[in-house]
Amino acid sequence: MARLALLSVSDKTGLAELAKTLVDEFEFDIISSGGTARTLAEANIPVTRVSDYTGSPEILAGRVKTLHPRVHGGILARQDWPEDQKDLSDNDIRPFDLVGGNLHPF
């Protein structure tokens, strides 16, 4: 199975180049949020929207989208703990190998 990256950024400088390298050279699958996913799709980079991965819509004008057990479980799971790996398997959660993000300017 390919490695998995979560990308969710407000400043998209260099985003397409980073994502293309992750996909082409390092064989990552990418999960991404609204505007970030749109930017990647426009650059013809394969991406799965967070809302499609979680089954939950983005809410509060897009400010809440990655607060979901499938996302946080994939980030927080300990690769060397069998109990964590069982929880991932039981809940159809893929572990994230890379998380790239920056916060929205509030």
PDB file of N, CA and C in Angstrom:
ATOM      1  N   MET A   1       0.848  -1.183   0.000  1.00  0.00           N
ATOM      2  CA  MET A   1       0.000   0.000   0.000  1.00  0.00           C
ATOM      3  C   MET A   1       0.888   1.239   0.000  1.00  0.00           C
ATOM      4  N   ALA A   2       0.480   2.245  -0.746  1.00  0.00           N
ATOM      5  CA  ALA A   2       1.235   3.494  -0.820  1.00  0.00           C
ATOM      6  C   ALA A   2       1.240   4.199   0.528  1.00  0.00           C
ATOM      7  N   ARG A   3       2.272   4.996   0.732  1.00  0.00           N
ATOM      8  CA  ARG A   3       2.304   5.839   1.928  1.00  0.00           C
ATOM      9  C   ARG A   3       1.246   6.923   1.774  1.00  0.00           C
ATOM     10  N   LEU A   4       0.857   7.526   2.889  1.00  0.00           N
ATOM     11  CA  LEU A   4      -0.250   8.471   2.894  1.00  0.00           C
ATOM     12  C   LEU A   4       0.181   9.812   3.463  1.00  0.00           C
ATOM     13  N   ALA A   5      -0.181  10.883   2.759  1.00  0.00           N
ATOM     14  CA  ALA A   5       0.113  12.247   3.209  1.00  0.00           C
ATOM     15  C   ALA A   5      -1.188  13.022   3.352  1.00  0.00           C
ATOM     16  N   LEU A   6      -1.262  13.832   4.394  1.00  0.00           N
ATOM     17  CA  LEU A   6      -2.355  14.787   4.581  1.00  0.00           C
ATOM     18  C   LEU A   6      -1.773  16.165   4.334  1.00  0.00           C
ATOM     19  N   LEU A   7      -2.318  16.872   3.350  1.00  0.00           N
ATOM     20  CA  LEU A   7      -1.882  18.235   3.052  1.00  0.00           C
ATOM     21  C   LEU A   7      -3.084  19.154   3.184  1.00  0.00           C
ATOM     22  N   SER A   8      -2.946  20.200   3.998  1.00  0.00           N
ATOM     23  CA  SER A   8      -4.005  21.173   4.200  1.00  0.00           C
ATOM     24  C   SER A   8      -3.356  22.500   4.524  1.00  0.00           C
ATOM     25  N   VAL A   9      -3.321  23.397   3.536  1.00  0.00           N
ATOM     26  CA  VAL A   9      -2.580  24.644   3.709  1.00  0.00           C
ATOM     27  C   VAL A   9      -3.395  25.844   3.252  1.00  0.00           C
ATOM     28  N   SER A  10      -3.202  26.962   3.925  1.00  0.00           N
ATOM     29  CA  SER A  10      -3.801  28.211   3.447  1.00  0.00           C
ATOM     30  C   SER A  10      -2.842  28.907   2.483  1.00  0.00           C
ATOM     31  N   ASP A  11      -1.545  28.879   2.767  1.00  0.00           N
ATOM     32  CA  ASP A  11      -0.530  29.428   1.856  1.00  0.00           C
ATOM     33  C   ASP A  11      -0.101  28.300   0.925  1.00  0.00           C
ATOM     34  N   LYS A  12      -0.483  28.396  -0.327  1.00  0.00           N
ATOM     35  CA  LYS A  12      -0.263  27.318  -1.273  1.00  0.00           C
ATOM     36  C   LYS A  12       1.019  27.470  -2.096  1.00  0.00           C
ATOM     37  N   THR A  13       1.903  28.343  -1.655  1.00  0.00           N
ATOM     38  CA  THR A  13       3.180  28.534  -2.337  1.00  0.00           C
ATOM     39  C   THR A  13       3.952  27.221  -2.366  1.00  0.00           C
ATOM     40  N   GLY A  14       4.299  26.745  -3.549  1.00  0.00           N
ATOM     41  CA  GLY A  14       5.084  25.520  -3.703  1.00  0.00           C
ATOM     42  C   GLY A  14       4.310  24.234  -3.480  1.00  0.00           C
ATOM     43  N   LEU A  15       3.006  24.335  -3.233  1.00  0.00           N
ATOM     44  CA  LEU A  15       2.194  23.160  -2.925  1.00  0.00           C
ATOM     45  C   LEU A  15       2.211  22.131  -4.053  1.00  0.00           C
ATOM     46  N   ALA A  16       1.931  22.573  -5.278  1.00  0.00           N
ATOM     47  CA  ALA A  16       1.847  21.633  -6.400  1.00  0.00           C
ATOM     48  C   ALA A  16       3.175  20.917  -6.611  1.00  0.00           C
ATOM     49  N   GLU A  17       4.263  21.634  -6.486  1.00  0.00           N
ATOM     50  CA  GLU A  17       5.583  21.019  -6.679  1.00  0.00           C
ATOM     51  C   GLU A  17       5.860  19.973  -5.603  1.00  0.00           C
ATOM     52  N   LEU A  18       5.540  20.307  -4.354  1.00  0.00           N
ATOM     53  CA  LEU A  18       5.718  19.359  -3.256  1.00  0.00           C
ATOM     54  C   LEU A  18       4.878  18.109  -3.492  1.00  0.00           C
ATOM     55  N   ALA A  19       3.610  18.301  -3.782  1.00  0.00           N
ATOM     56  CA  ALA A  19       2.705  17.172  -3.963  1.00  0.00           C
ATOM     57  C   ALA A  19       3.122  16.305  -5.146  1.00  0.00           C
ATOM     58  N   LYS A  20       3.532  16.923  -6.235  1.00  0.00           N
ATOM     59  CA  LYS A  20       3.977  16.160  -7.411  1.00  0.00           C
ATOM     60  C   LYS A  20       5.181  15.294  -7.054  1.00  0.00           C
ATOM     61  N   THR A  21       6.115  15.839  -6.291  1.00  0.00           N
ATOM     62  CA  THR A  21       7.284  15.068  -5.859  1.00  0.00           C
ATOM     63  C   THR A  21       6.861  13.912  -4.954  1.00  0.00           C
ATOM     64  N   LEU A  22       5.953  14.178  -4.024  1.00  0.00           N
ATOM     65  CA  LEU A  22       5.485  13.119  -3.130  1.00  0.00           C
ATOM     66  C   LEU A  22       4.841  11.973  -3.912  1.00  0.00           C
ATOM     67  N   VAL A  23       4.043  12.324  -4.909  1.00  0.00           N
ATOM     68  CA  VAL A  23       3.339  11.307  -5.692  1.00  0.00           C
ATOM     69  C   VAL A  23       4.285  10.591  -6.648  1.00  0.00           C
ATOM     70  N   ASP A  24       5.034  11.358  -7.432  1.00  0.00           N
ATOM     71  CA  ASP A  24       5.859  10.770  -8.497  1.00  0.00           C
ATOM     72  C   ASP A  24       7.111  10.069  -7.984  1.00  0.00           C
ATOM     73  N   GLU A  25       7.788  10.684  -7.033  1.00  0.00           N
ATOM     74  CA  GLU A  25       9.069  10.133  -6.594  1.00  0.00           C
ATOM     75  C   GLU A  25       8.961   9.226  -5.370  1.00  0.00           C
ATOM     76  N   PHE A  26       7.986   9.494  -4.507  1.00  0.00           N
ATOM     77  CA  PHE A  26       7.899   8.748  -3.248  1.00  0.00           C
ATOM     78  C   PHE A  26       6.629   7.907  -3.131  1.00  0.00           C
ATOM     79  N   GLU A  27       5.796   7.908  -4.182  1.00  0.00           N
ATOM     80  CA  GLU A  27       4.606   7.051  -4.278  1.00  0.00           C
ATOM     81  C   GLU A  27       3.616   7.244  -3.138  1.00  0.00           C
ATOM     82  N   PHE A  28       3.377   8.482  -2.768  1.00  0.00           N
ATOM     83  CA  PHE A  28       2.381   8.808  -1.750  1.00  0.00           C
ATOM     84  C   PHE A  28       0.999   8.915  -2.373  1.00  0.00           C
ATOM     85  N   ASP A  29      -0.032   8.547  -1.610  1.00  0.00           N
ATOM     86  CA  ASP A  29      -1.404   8.955  -1.861  1.00  0.00           C
ATOM     87  C   ASP A  29      -1.591  10.229  -1.055  1.00  0.00           C
ATOM     88  N   ILE A  30      -2.397  11.145  -1.572  1.00  0.00           N
ATOM     89  CA  ILE A  30      -2.603  12.420  -0.878  1.00  0.00           C
ATOM     90  C   ILE A  30      -4.067  12.597  -0.532  1.00  0.00           C
ATOM     91  N   ILE A  31      -4.310  12.954   0.715  1.00  0.00           N
ATOM     92  CA  ILE A  31      -5.628  13.370   1.191  1.00  0.00           C
ATOM     93  C   ILE A  31      -5.503  14.847   1.524  1.00  0.00           C
ATOM     94  N   SER A  32      -6.502  15.611   1.099  1.00  0.00           N
ATOM     95  CA  SER A  32      -6.385  17.053   1.247  1.00  0.00           C
ATOM     96  C   SER A  32      -7.750  17.691   1.443  1.00  0.00           C
ATOM     97  N   SER A  33      -7.723  18.893   2.004  1.00  0.00           N
ATOM     98  CA  SER A  33      -8.951  19.630   2.282  1.00  0.00           C
ATOM     99  C   SER A  33      -9.306  20.565   1.127  1.00  0.00           C
ATOM    100  N   GLY A  34     -10.472  21.157   1.207  1.00  0.00           N
ATOM    101  CA  GLY A  34     -11.101  21.993   0.195  1.00  0.00           C
ATOM    102  C   GLY A  34     -10.236  22.706  -0.819  1.00  0.00           C
ATOM    103  N   GLY A  35      -9.722  23.878  -0.457  1.00  0.00           N
ATOM    104  CA  GLY A  35      -8.941  24.681  -1.399  1.00  0.00           C
ATOM    105  C   GLY A  35      -7.629  24.024  -1.777  1.00  0.00           C
ATOM    106  N   THR A  36      -7.036  23.313  -0.842  1.00  0.00           N
ATOM    107  CA  THR A  36      -5.789  22.608  -1.131  1.00  0.00           C
ATOM    108  C   THR A  36      -6.054  21.501  -2.142  1.00  0.00           C
ATOM    109  N   ALA A  37      -7.113  20.734  -1.931  1.00  0.00           N
ATOM    110  CA  ALA A  37      -7.472  19.672  -2.880  1.00  0.00           C
ATOM    111  C   ALA A  37      -7.778  20.251  -4.254  1.00  0.00           C
ATOM    112  N   ARG A  38      -8.463  21.366  -4.291  1.00  0.00           N
ATOM    113  CA  ARG A  38      -8.796  22.013  -5.568  1.00  0.00           C
ATOM    114  C   ARG A  38      -7.528  22.427  -6.310  1.00  0.00           C
ATOM    115  N   THR A  39      -6.577  23.005  -5.589  1.00  0.00           N
ATOM    116  CA  THR A  39      -5.313  23.413  -6.198  1.00  0.00           C
ATOM    117  C   THR A  39      -4.568  22.210  -6.768  1.00  0.00           C
ATOM    118  N   LEU A  40      -4.553  21.117  -6.030  1.00  0.00           N
ATOM    119  CA  LEU A  40      -3.865  19.906  -6.500  1.00  0.00           C
ATOM    120  C   LEU A  40      -4.566  19.318  -7.713  1.00  0.00           C
ATOM    121  N   ALA A  41      -5.894  19.248  -7.671  1.00  0.00           N
ATOM    122  CA  ALA A  41      -6.649  18.713  -8.802  1.00  0.00           C
ATOM    123  C   ALA A  41      -6.420  19.550 -10.055  1.00  0.00           C
ATOM    124  N   GLU A  42      -6.387  20.872  -9.895  1.00  0.00           N
ATOM    125  CA  GLU A  42      -6.133  21.759 -11.046  1.00  0.00           C
ATOM    126  C   GLU A  42      -4.744  21.544 -11.623  1.00  0.00           C
ATOM    127  N   ALA A  43      -3.804  21.064 -10.817  1.00  0.00           N
ATOM    128  CA  ALA A  43      -2.448  20.766 -11.279  1.00  0.00           C
ATOM    129  C   ALA A  43      -2.328  19.305 -11.739  1.00  0.00           C
ATOM    130  N   ASN A  44      -3.477  18.620 -11.864  1.00  0.00           N
ATOM    131  CA  ASN A  44      -3.524  17.219 -12.305  1.00  0.00           C
ATOM    132  C   ASN A  44      -2.755  16.278 -11.392  1.00  0.00           C
ATOM    133  N   ILE A  45      -2.800  16.559 -10.100  1.00  0.00           N
ATOM    134  CA  ILE A  45      -2.180  15.702  -9.094  1.00  0.00           C
ATOM    135  C   ILE A  45      -3.303  14.908  -8.426  1.00  0.00           C
ATOM    136  N   PRO A  46      -3.190  13.579  -8.395  1.00  0.00           N
ATOM    137  CA  PRO A  46      -4.260  12.789  -7.782  1.00  0.00           C
ATOM    138  C   PRO A  46      -4.413  13.102  -6.297  1.00  0.00           C
ATOM    139  N   VAL A  47      -5.650  13.347  -5.892  1.00  0.00           N
ATOM    140  CA  VAL A  47      -5.927  13.739  -4.514  1.00  0.00           C
ATOM    141  C   VAL A  47      -7.300  13.236  -4.111  1.00  0.00           C
ATOM    142  N   THR A  48      -7.427  12.838  -2.851  1.00  0.00           N
ATOM    143  CA  THR A  48      -8.722  12.481  -2.272  1.00  0.00           C
ATOM    144  C   THR A  48      -9.100  13.589  -1.307  1.00  0.00           C
ATOM    145  N   ARG A  49     -10.300  14.102  -1.435  1.00  0.00           N
ATOM    146  CA  ARG A  49     -10.764  15.152  -0.529  1.00  0.00           C
ATOM    147  C   ARG A  49     -11.016  14.558   0.862  1.00  0.00           C
ATOM    148  N   VAL A  50     -10.658  15.316   1.875  1.00  0.00           N
ATOM    149  CA  VAL A  50     -10.871  14.876   3.252  1.00  0.00           C
ATOM    150  C   VAL A  50     -12.325  14.469   3.461  1.00  0.00           C
ATOM    151  N   SER A  51     -13.254  15.249   2.946  1.00  0.00           N
ATOM    152  CA  SER A  51     -14.678  14.945   3.151  1.00  0.00           C
ATOM    153  C   SER A  51     -15.053  13.610   2.512  1.00  0.00           C
ATOM    154  N   ASP A  52     -14.429  13.244   1.408  1.00  0.00           N
ATOM    155  CA  ASP A  52     -14.689  11.941   0.800  1.00  0.00           C
ATOM    156  C   ASP A  52     -14.070  10.825   1.645  1.00  0.00           C
ATOM    157  N   TYR A  53     -12.907  11.062   2.204  1.00  0.00           N
ATOM    158  CA  TYR A  53     -12.233  10.067   3.038  1.00  0.00           C
ATOM    159  C   TYR A  53     -12.976   9.835   4.347  1.00  0.00           C
ATOM    160  N   THR A  54     -13.464  10.908   4.963  1.00  0.00           N
ATOM    161  CA  THR A  54     -14.120  10.780   6.271  1.00  0.00           C
ATOM    162  C   THR A  54     -15.618  10.509   6.157  1.00  0.00           C
ATOM    163  N   GLY A  55     -16.215  10.904   5.044  1.00  0.00           N
ATOM    164  CA  GLY A  55     -17.666  10.806   4.921  1.00  0.00           C
ATOM    165  C   GLY A  55     -18.388  11.927   5.630  1.00  0.00           C
ATOM    166  N   SER A  56     -17.630  12.925   6.105  1.00  0.00           N
ATOM    167  CA  SER A  56     -18.220  14.071   6.809  1.00  0.00           C
ATOM    168  C   SER A  56     -17.963  15.343   6.003  1.00  0.00           C
ATOM    169  N   PRO A  57     -18.959  16.216   5.914  1.00  0.00           N
ATOM    170  CA  PRO A  57     -18.760  17.444   5.147  1.00  0.00           C
ATOM    171  C   PRO A  57     -17.871  18.441   5.888  1.00  0.00           C
ATOM    172  N   GLU A  58     -17.282  19.339   5.109  1.00  0.00           N
ATOM    173  CA  GLU A  58     -16.593  20.481   5.716  1.00  0.00           C
ATOM    174  C   GLU A  58     -17.676  21.385   6.285  1.00  0.00           C
ATOM    175  N   ILE A  59     -17.425  21.961   7.465  1.00  0.00           N
ATOM    176  CA  ILE A  59     -18.416  22.849   8.083  1.00  0.00           C
ATOM    177  C   ILE A  59     -17.744  24.153   8.532  1.00  0.00           C
ATOM    178  N   LEU A  60     -18.551  25.059   8.991  1.00  0.00           N
ATOM    179  CA  LEU A  60     -18.104  26.374   9.464  1.00  0.00           C
ATOM    180  C   LEU A  60     -17.232  27.060   8.403  1.00  0.00           C
ATOM    181  N   ALA A  61     -17.823  27.179   7.211  1.00  0.00           N
ATOM    182  CA  ALA A  61     -17.153  27.837   6.077  1.00  0.00           C
ATOM    183  C   ALA A  61     -15.798  27.206   5.772  1.00  0.00           C
ATOM    184  N   GLY A  62     -15.694  25.889   5.965  1.00  0.00           N
ATOM    185  CA  GLY A  62     -14.466  25.176   5.641  1.00  0.00           C
ATOM    186  C   GLY A  62     -13.420  25.163   6.735  1.00  0.00           C
ATOM    187  N   ARG A  63     -13.696  25.799   7.866  1.00  0.00           N
ATOM    188  CA  ARG A  63     -12.704  25.837   8.938  1.00  0.00           C
ATOM    189  C   ARG A  63     -12.611  24.513   9.697  1.00  0.00           C
ATOM    190  N   VAL A  64     -13.662  23.692   9.622  1.00  0.00           N
ATOM    191  CA  VAL A  64     -13.635  22.389  10.292  1.00  0.00           C
ATOM    192  C   VAL A  64     -13.803  21.321   9.222  1.00  0.00           C
ATOM    193  N   LYS A  65     -12.740  20.575   9.012  1.00  0.00           N
ATOM    194  CA  LYS A  65     -12.782  19.510   8.017  1.00  0.00           C
ATOM    195  C   LYS A  65     -11.909  18.321   8.378  1.00  0.00           C
ATOM    196  N   THR A  66     -10.855  18.528   9.120  1.00  0.00           N
ATOM    197  CA  THR A  66      -9.960  17.419   9.446  1.00  0.00           C
ATOM    198  C   THR A  66     -10.153  16.919  10.877  1.00  0.00           C
ATOM    199  N   LEU A  67     -11.112  17.473  11.606  1.00  0.00           N
ATOM    200  CA  LEU A  67     -11.384  17.016  12.972  1.00  0.00           C
ATOM    201  C   LEU A  67     -12.293  15.796  12.896  1.00  0.00           C
ATOM    202  N   HIS A  68     -11.683  14.632  12.705  1.00  0.00           N
ATOM    203  CA  HIS A  68     -12.433  13.401  12.509  1.00  0.00           C
ATOM    204  C   HIS A  68     -11.557  12.223  12.943  1.00  0.00           C
ATOM    205  N   PRO A  69     -12.144  11.165  13.521  1.00  0.00           N
ATOM    206  CA  PRO A  69     -11.345  10.019  13.965  1.00  0.00           C
ATOM    207  C   PRO A  69     -10.508   9.375  12.856  1.00  0.00           C
ATOM    208  N   ARG A  70     -10.981   9.365  11.613  1.00  0.00           N
ATOM    209  CA  ARG A  70     -10.190   8.756  10.535  1.00  0.00           C
ATOM    210  C   ARG A  70      -8.928   9.569  10.261  1.00  0.00           C
ATOM    211  N   VAL A  71      -8.986  10.860  10.510  1.00  0.00           N
ATOM    212  CA  VAL A  71      -7.802  11.702  10.315  1.00  0.00           C
ATOM    213  C   VAL A  71      -6.912  11.634  11.552  1.00  0.00           C
ATOM    214  N   HIS A  72      -7.470  11.952  12.711  1.00  0.00           N
ATOM    215  CA  HIS A  72      -6.635  11.974  13.918  1.00  0.00           C
ATOM    216  C   HIS A  72      -6.142  10.592  14.316  1.00  0.00           C
ATOM    217  N   GLY A  73      -6.939   9.569  14.084  1.00  0.00           N
ATOM    218  CA  GLY A  73      -6.475   8.210  14.345  1.00  0.00           C
ATOM    219  C   GLY A  73      -5.278   7.867  13.480  1.00  0.00           C
ATOM    220  N   GLY A  74      -5.324   8.281  12.208  1.00  0.00           N
ATOM    221  CA  GLY A  74      -4.212   8.024  11.297  1.00  0.00           C
ATOM    222  C   GLY A  74      -2.955   8.791  11.651  1.00  0.00           C
ATOM    223  N   ILE A  75      -3.121   9.936  12.284  1.00  0.00           N
ATOM    224  CA  ILE A  75      -1.967  10.738  12.713  1.00  0.00           C
ATOM    225  C   ILE A  75      -1.395  10.212  14.030  1.00  0.00           C
ATOM    226  N   LEU A  76      -2.262   9.874  14.970  1.00  0.00           N
ATOM    227  CA  LEU A  76      -1.825   9.551  16.333  1.00  0.00           C
ATOM    228  C   LEU A  76      -1.483   8.091  16.577  1.00  0.00           C
ATOM    229  N   ALA A  77      -1.848   7.206  15.660  1.00  0.00           N
ATOM    230  CA  ALA A  77      -1.589   5.776  15.869  1.00  0.00           C
ATOM    231  C   ALA A  77      -0.092   5.504  15.951  1.00  0.00           C
ATOM    232  N   ARG A  78       0.266   4.685  16.895  1.00  0.00           N
ATOM    233  CA  ARG A  78       1.667   4.291  17.070  1.00  0.00           C
ATOM    234  C   ARG A  78       1.911   3.030  16.249  1.00  0.00           C
ATOM    235  N   GLN A  79       2.845   3.119  15.327  1.00  0.00           N
ATOM    236  CA  GLN A  79       3.097   2.037  14.388  1.00  0.00           C
ATOM    237  C   GLN A  79       3.592   0.761  15.060  1.00  0.00           C
ATOM    238  N   ASP A  80       4.208   0.898  16.219  1.00  0.00           N
ATOM    239  CA  ASP A  80       4.784  -0.266  16.891  1.00  0.00           C
ATOM    240  C   ASP A  80       3.901  -0.802  18.026  1.00  0.00           C
ATOM    241  N   TRP A  81       2.675  -0.338  18.107  1.00  0.00           N
ATOM    242  CA  TRP A  81       1.749  -0.813  19.135  1.00  0.00           C
ATOM    243  C   TRP A  81       0.658  -1.650  18.465  1.00  0.00           C
ATOM    244  N   PRO A  82       0.621  -2.954  18.736  1.00  0.00           N
ATOM    245  CA  PRO A  82      -0.394  -3.810  18.121  1.00  0.00           C
ATOM    246  C   PRO A  82      -1.830  -3.349  18.389  1.00  0.00           C
ATOM    247  N   GLU A  83      -2.083  -2.818  19.580  1.00  0.00           N
ATOM    248  CA  GLU A  83      -3.444  -2.355  19.897  1.00  0.00           C
ATOM    249  C   GLU A  83      -3.860  -1.210  18.976  1.00  0.00           C
ATOM    250  N   ASP A  84      -2.927  -0.290  18.720  1.00  0.00           N
ATOM    251  CA  ASP A  84      -3.232   0.820  17.811  1.00  0.00           C
ATOM    252  C   ASP A  84      -3.478   0.299  16.396  1.00  0.00           C
ATOM    253  N   GLN A  85      -2.670  -0.648  15.959  1.00  0.00           N
ATOM    254  CA  GLN A  85      -2.825  -1.191  14.612  1.00  0.00           C
ATOM    255  C   GLN A  85      -4.159  -1.919  14.467  1.00  0.00           C
ATOM    256  N   LYS A  86      -4.596  -2.594  15.534  1.00  0.00           N
ATOM    257  CA  LYS A  86      -5.897  -3.254  15.505  1.00  0.00           C
ATOM    258  C   LYS A  86      -7.020  -2.223  15.404  1.00  0.00           C
ATOM    259  N   ASP A  87      -6.908  -1.132  16.162  1.00  0.00           N
ATOM    260  CA  ASP A  87      -7.919  -0.073  16.079  1.00  0.00           C
ATOM    261  C   ASP A  87      -7.984   0.508  14.672  1.00  0.00           C
ATOM    262  N   LEU A  88      -6.823   0.736  14.055  1.00  0.00           N
ATOM    263  CA  LEU A  88      -6.814   1.240  12.680  1.00  0.00           C
ATOM    264  C   LEU A  88      -7.539   0.275  11.757  1.00  0.00           C
ATOM    265  N   SER A  89      -7.186  -0.995  11.854  1.00  0.00           N
ATOM    266  CA  SER A  89      -7.797  -2.014  11.002  1.00  0.00           C
ATOM    267  C   SER A  89      -9.298  -2.115  11.233  1.00  0.00           C
ATOM    268  N   ASP A  90      -9.707  -2.154  12.497  1.00  0.00           N
ATOM    269  CA  ASP A  90     -11.126  -2.285  12.839  1.00  0.00           C
ATOM    270  C   ASP A  90     -11.958  -1.106  12.364  1.00  0.00           C
ATOM    271  N   ASN A  91     -11.320   0.062  12.201  1.00  0.00           N
ATOM    272  CA  ASN A  91     -12.052   1.279  11.849  1.00  0.00           C
ATOM    273  C   ASN A  91     -11.733   1.799  10.453  1.00  0.00           C
ATOM    274  N   ASP A  92     -11.085   0.959   9.640  1.00  0.00           N
ATOM    275  CA  ASP A  92     -10.760   1.323   8.254  1.00  0.00           C
ATOM    276  C   ASP A  92     -10.017   2.657   8.185  1.00  0.00           C
ATOM    277  N   ILE A  93      -8.972   2.771   9.003  1.00  0.00           N
ATOM    278  CA  ILE A  93      -8.158   3.987   9.068  1.00  0.00           C
ATOM    279  C   ILE A  93      -6.764   3.675   8.551  1.00  0.00           C
ATOM    280  N   ARG A  94      -6.288   4.504   7.637  1.00  0.00           N
ATOM    281  CA  ARG A  94      -4.916   4.370   7.160  1.00  0.00           C
ATOM    282  C   ARG A  94      -4.018   5.296   7.973  1.00  0.00           C
ATOM    283  N   PRO A  95      -2.833   4.833   8.345  1.00  0.00           N
ATOM    284  CA  PRO A  95      -1.918   5.716   9.071  1.00  0.00           C
ATOM    285  C   PRO A  95      -1.318   6.761   8.133  1.00  0.00           C
ATOM    286  N   PHE A  96      -1.171   7.968   8.629  1.00  0.00           N
ATOM    287  CA  PHE A  96      -0.506   9.023   7.857  1.00  0.00           C
ATOM    288  C   PHE A  96       0.990   8.936   8.091  1.00  0.00           C
ATOM    289  N   ASP A  97       1.734   9.011   7.012  1.00  0.00           N
ATOM    290  CA  ASP A  97       3.188   9.011   7.072  1.00  0.00           C
ATOM    291  C   ASP A  97       3.744  10.424   7.053  1.00  0.00           C
ATOM    292  N   LEU A  98       2.944  11.381   6.586  1.00  0.00           N
ATOM    293  CA  LEU A  98       3.384  12.761   6.476  1.00  0.00           C
ATOM    294  C   LEU A  98       2.183  13.677   6.624  1.00  0.00           C
ATOM    295  N   VAL A  99       2.338  14.734   7.387  1.00  0.00           N
ATOM    296  CA  VAL A  99       1.301  15.762   7.518  1.00  0.00           C
ATOM    297  C   VAL A  99       1.938  17.104   7.225  1.00  0.00           C
ATOM    298  N   GLY A 100       1.368  17.826   6.268  1.00  0.00           N
ATOM    299  CA  GLY A 100       1.852  19.163   5.934  1.00  0.00           C
ATOM    300  C   GLY A 100       0.713  20.143   6.043  1.00  0.00           C
ATOM    301  N   GLY A 101       0.908  21.181   6.820  1.00  0.00           N
ATOM    302  CA  GLY A 101      -0.172  22.141   6.987  1.00  0.00           C
ATOM    303  C   GLY A 101       0.303  23.474   7.508  1.00  0.00           C
ATOM    304  N   ASN A 102      -0.499  24.469   7.306  1.00  0.00           N
ATOM    305  CA  ASN A 102      -0.333  25.751   7.967  1.00  0.00           C
ATOM    306  C   ASN A 102      -1.719  26.286   8.260  1.00  0.00           C
ATOM    307  N   LEU A 103      -1.842  27.090   9.281  1.00  0.00           N
ATOM    308  CA  LEU A 103      -3.149  27.527   9.741  1.00  0.00           C
ATOM    309  C   LEU A 103      -3.698  28.672   8.910  1.00  0.00           C
ATOM    310  N   HIS A 104      -5.001  28.725   8.857  1.00  0.00           N
ATOM    311  CA  HIS A 104      -5.654  29.849   8.215  1.00  0.00           C
ATOM    312  C   HIS A 104      -5.359  31.108   9.014  1.00  0.00           C
ATOM    313  N   PRO A 105      -5.147  32.215   8.336  1.00  0.00           N
ATOM    314  CA  PRO A 105      -4.960  33.469   9.082  1.00  0.00           C
ATOM    315  C   PRO A 105      -6.294  33.903   9.677  1.00  0.00           C
ATOM    316  N   PHE A 106      -6.373  33.977  10.997  1.00  0.00           N
ATOM    317  CA  PHE A 106      -7.616  34.362  11.665  1.00  0.00           C
ATOM    318  C   PHE A 106      -7.582  35.828  12.036  1.00  0.00           C
TER     319      PHE A 106
END
